[in-house]
C-alpha atoms as a PDB file:
ATOM      1  CA  MET A   1      20.253  -4.854  -3.864  1.00  0.00           C
ATOM      2  CA  GLN A   2      17.033  -2.873  -4.089  1.00  0.00           C
ATOM      3  CA  GLN A   3      13.586  -4.388  -3.509  1.00  0.00           C
ATOM      4  CA  SER A   4      11.119  -4.127  -6.374  1.00  0.00           C
ATOM      5  CA  GLU A   5       7.862  -2.336  -5.601  1.00  0.00           C
ATOM      6  CA  SER A   6       5.888  -4.177  -8.263  1.00  0.00           C
ATOM      7  CA  ARG A   7       6.340  -7.796  -7.287  1.00  0.00           C
ATOM      8  CA  ALA A   8       3.456 -10.248  -7.281  1.00  0.00           C
ATOM      9  CA  SER A   9       1.492 -10.857  -4.111  1.00  0.00           C
ATOM     10  CA  THR A  10       2.866 -13.990  -2.482  1.00  0.00           C
ATOM     11  CA  SER A  11       3.246 -15.189   1.052  1.00  0.00           C
ATOM     12  CA  THR A  12       6.626 -14.207   2.367  1.00  0.00           C
ATOM     13  CA  PRO A  13       8.720 -15.777   5.094  1.00  0.00           C
ATOM     14  CA  ALA A  14       8.712 -14.009   8.447  1.00  0.00           C
ATOM     15  CA  ASP A  15      12.341 -12.966   7.991  1.00  0.00           C
ATOM     16  CA  ALA A  16      11.733 -11.334   4.590  1.00  0.00           C
ATOM     17  CA  PRO A  17      12.476  -7.597   4.483  1.00  0.00           C
ATOM     18  CA  THR A  18       9.489  -5.262   4.677  1.00  0.00           C
ATOM     19  CA  VAL A  19       8.897  -3.462   1.386  1.00  0.00           C
ATOM     20  CA  ILE A  20       7.718   0.119   1.840  1.00  0.00           C
ATOM     21  CA  LEU A  21       5.790   1.869  -0.918  1.00  0.00           C
ATOM     22  CA  ARG A  22       5.652   5.625  -1.360  1.00  0.00           C
ATOM     23  CA  MET A  23       2.542   7.539  -2.462  1.00  0.00           C
ATOM     24  CA  ALA A  24       3.224   7.345  -6.213  1.00  0.00           C
ATOM     25  CA  SER A  25       3.470   3.549  -6.093  1.00  0.00           C
ATOM     26  CA  VAL A  26       0.362   3.220  -3.917  1.00  0.00           C
ATOM     27  CA  ARG A  27      -1.577   5.437  -6.330  1.00  0.00           C
ATOM     28  CA  ARG A  28      -0.485   3.307  -9.303  1.00  0.00           C
ATOM     29  CA  MET A  29      -1.363   0.038  -7.568  1.00  0.00           C
ATOM     30  CA  THR A  30      -4.754   1.173  -6.273  1.00  0.00           C
ATOM     31  CA  THR A  31      -5.741   3.644  -9.032  1.00  0.00           C
ATOM     32  CA  LEU A  32      -6.862   5.991  -6.251  1.00  0.00           C
ATOM     33  CA  GLY A  33      -5.993   9.654  -5.940  1.00  0.00           C
ATOM     34  CA  ARG A  34      -4.031  11.137  -3.067  1.00  0.00           C
ATOM     35  CA  SER A  35      -7.018  12.778  -1.383  1.00  0.00           C
ATOM     36  CA  THR A  36      -9.090   9.593  -1.703  1.00  0.00           C
ATOM     37  CA  ILE A  37      -6.338   7.564  -0.047  1.00  0.00           C
ATOM     38  CA  TYR A  38      -6.172   9.984   2.896  1.00  0.00           C
ATOM     39  CA  ARG A  39      -9.986  10.151   3.150  1.00  0.00           C
ATOM     40  CA  LEU A  40     -10.230   6.341   3.233  1.00  0.00           C
ATOM     41  CA  MET A  41      -7.449   6.244   5.846  1.00  0.00           C
ATOM     42  CA  SER A  42      -9.388   8.667   8.048  1.00  0.00           C
ATOM     43  CA  LEU A  43     -12.460   6.422   7.725  1.00  0.00           C
ATOM     44  CA  LYS A  44     -10.318   3.351   8.618  1.00  0.00           C
ATOM     45  CA  LEU A  45     -11.079   1.868   5.176  1.00  0.00           C
ATOM     46  CA  PHE A  46      -7.475   1.929   3.911  1.00  0.00           C
ATOM     47  CA  PRO A  47      -4.194   0.823   5.519  1.00  0.00           C
ATOM     48  CA  SER A  48      -2.522   3.416   7.717  1.00  0.00           C
ATOM     49  CA  ALA A  49       0.662   5.035   6.508  1.00  0.00           C
ATOM     50  CA  ILE A  50       3.850   4.668   8.508  1.00  0.00           C
ATOM     51  CA  LYS A  51       6.005   7.700   9.190  1.00  0.00           C
ATOM     52  CA  LEU A  52       9.394   7.506   7.490  1.00  0.00           C
ATOM     53  CA  GLY A  53      10.651  10.952   8.409  1.00  0.00           C
ATOM     54  CA  PRO A  54       9.493  14.494   9.172  1.00  0.00           C
ATOM     55  CA  ARG A  55       7.796  14.880   5.786  1.00  0.00           C
ATOM     56  CA  ALA A  56       7.659  11.349   4.418  1.00  0.00           C
ATOM     57  CA  VAL A  57       5.232   8.459   4.800  1.00  0.00           C
ATOM     58  CA  GLY A  58       4.940   5.058   3.218  1.00  0.00           C
ATOM     59  CA  TRP A  59       2.795   1.948   3.229  1.00  0.00           C
ATOM     60  CA  ARG A  60       3.793  -1.681   3.708  1.00  0.00           C
ATOM     61  CA  LEU A  61       3.440  -3.642   0.469  1.00  0.00           C
ATOM     62  CA  THR A  62       1.793  -6.467   2.410  1.00  0.00           C
ATOM     63  CA  ASP A  63      -0.887  -4.079   3.744  1.00  0.00           C
ATOM     64  CA  ILE A  64      -1.660  -2.731   0.254  1.00  0.00           C
ATOM     65  CA  ASP A  65      -1.711  -6.230  -1.260  1.00  0.00           C
ATOM     66  CA  GLN A  66      -4.125  -7.389   1.446  1.00  0.00           C
ATOM     67  CA  TRP A  67      -6.355  -4.324   0.926  1.00  0.00           C
ATOM     68  CA  LEU A  68      -6.446  -4.992  -2.821  1.00  0.00           C
ATOM     69  CA  GLU A  69      -7.346  -8.661  -2.241  1.00  0.00           C
ATOM     70  CA  GLU A  70     -10.214  -7.705   0.092  1.00  0.00           C
ATOM     71  CA  ARG A  71     -11.510  -4.932  -2.147  1.00  0.00           C
ATOM     72  CA  PRO A  72     -14.720  -5.910  -3.950  1.00  0.00           C
ATOM     73  CA  ASP A  73     -14.454  -6.206  -7.721  1.00  0.00           C
ATOM     74  CA  SER A  74     -16.255  -3.450  -9.562  1.00  0.00           C
ATOM     75  CA  SER A  75     -18.626  -4.717 -12.212  1.00  0.00           C
ATOM     76  CA  HIS A  76     -19.559  -2.261 -14.908  1.00  0.00           C
END
């Protein structure tokens, strides 16, 4: 059974599996570009990526959900 990357933000039990998002999913969820994500990470304004392999990183869904919740709403 595969975990869905686009589930709603809910509190999860401590024994729930950690969902890892890859760059494409993070970009869709945040509407940020790749370079902006890495720039914000370097400024400690975005969740840190976790290393999945020699050339692969991902982000915990819970970290991205929390970042989105804390992000101020833009009013145009």
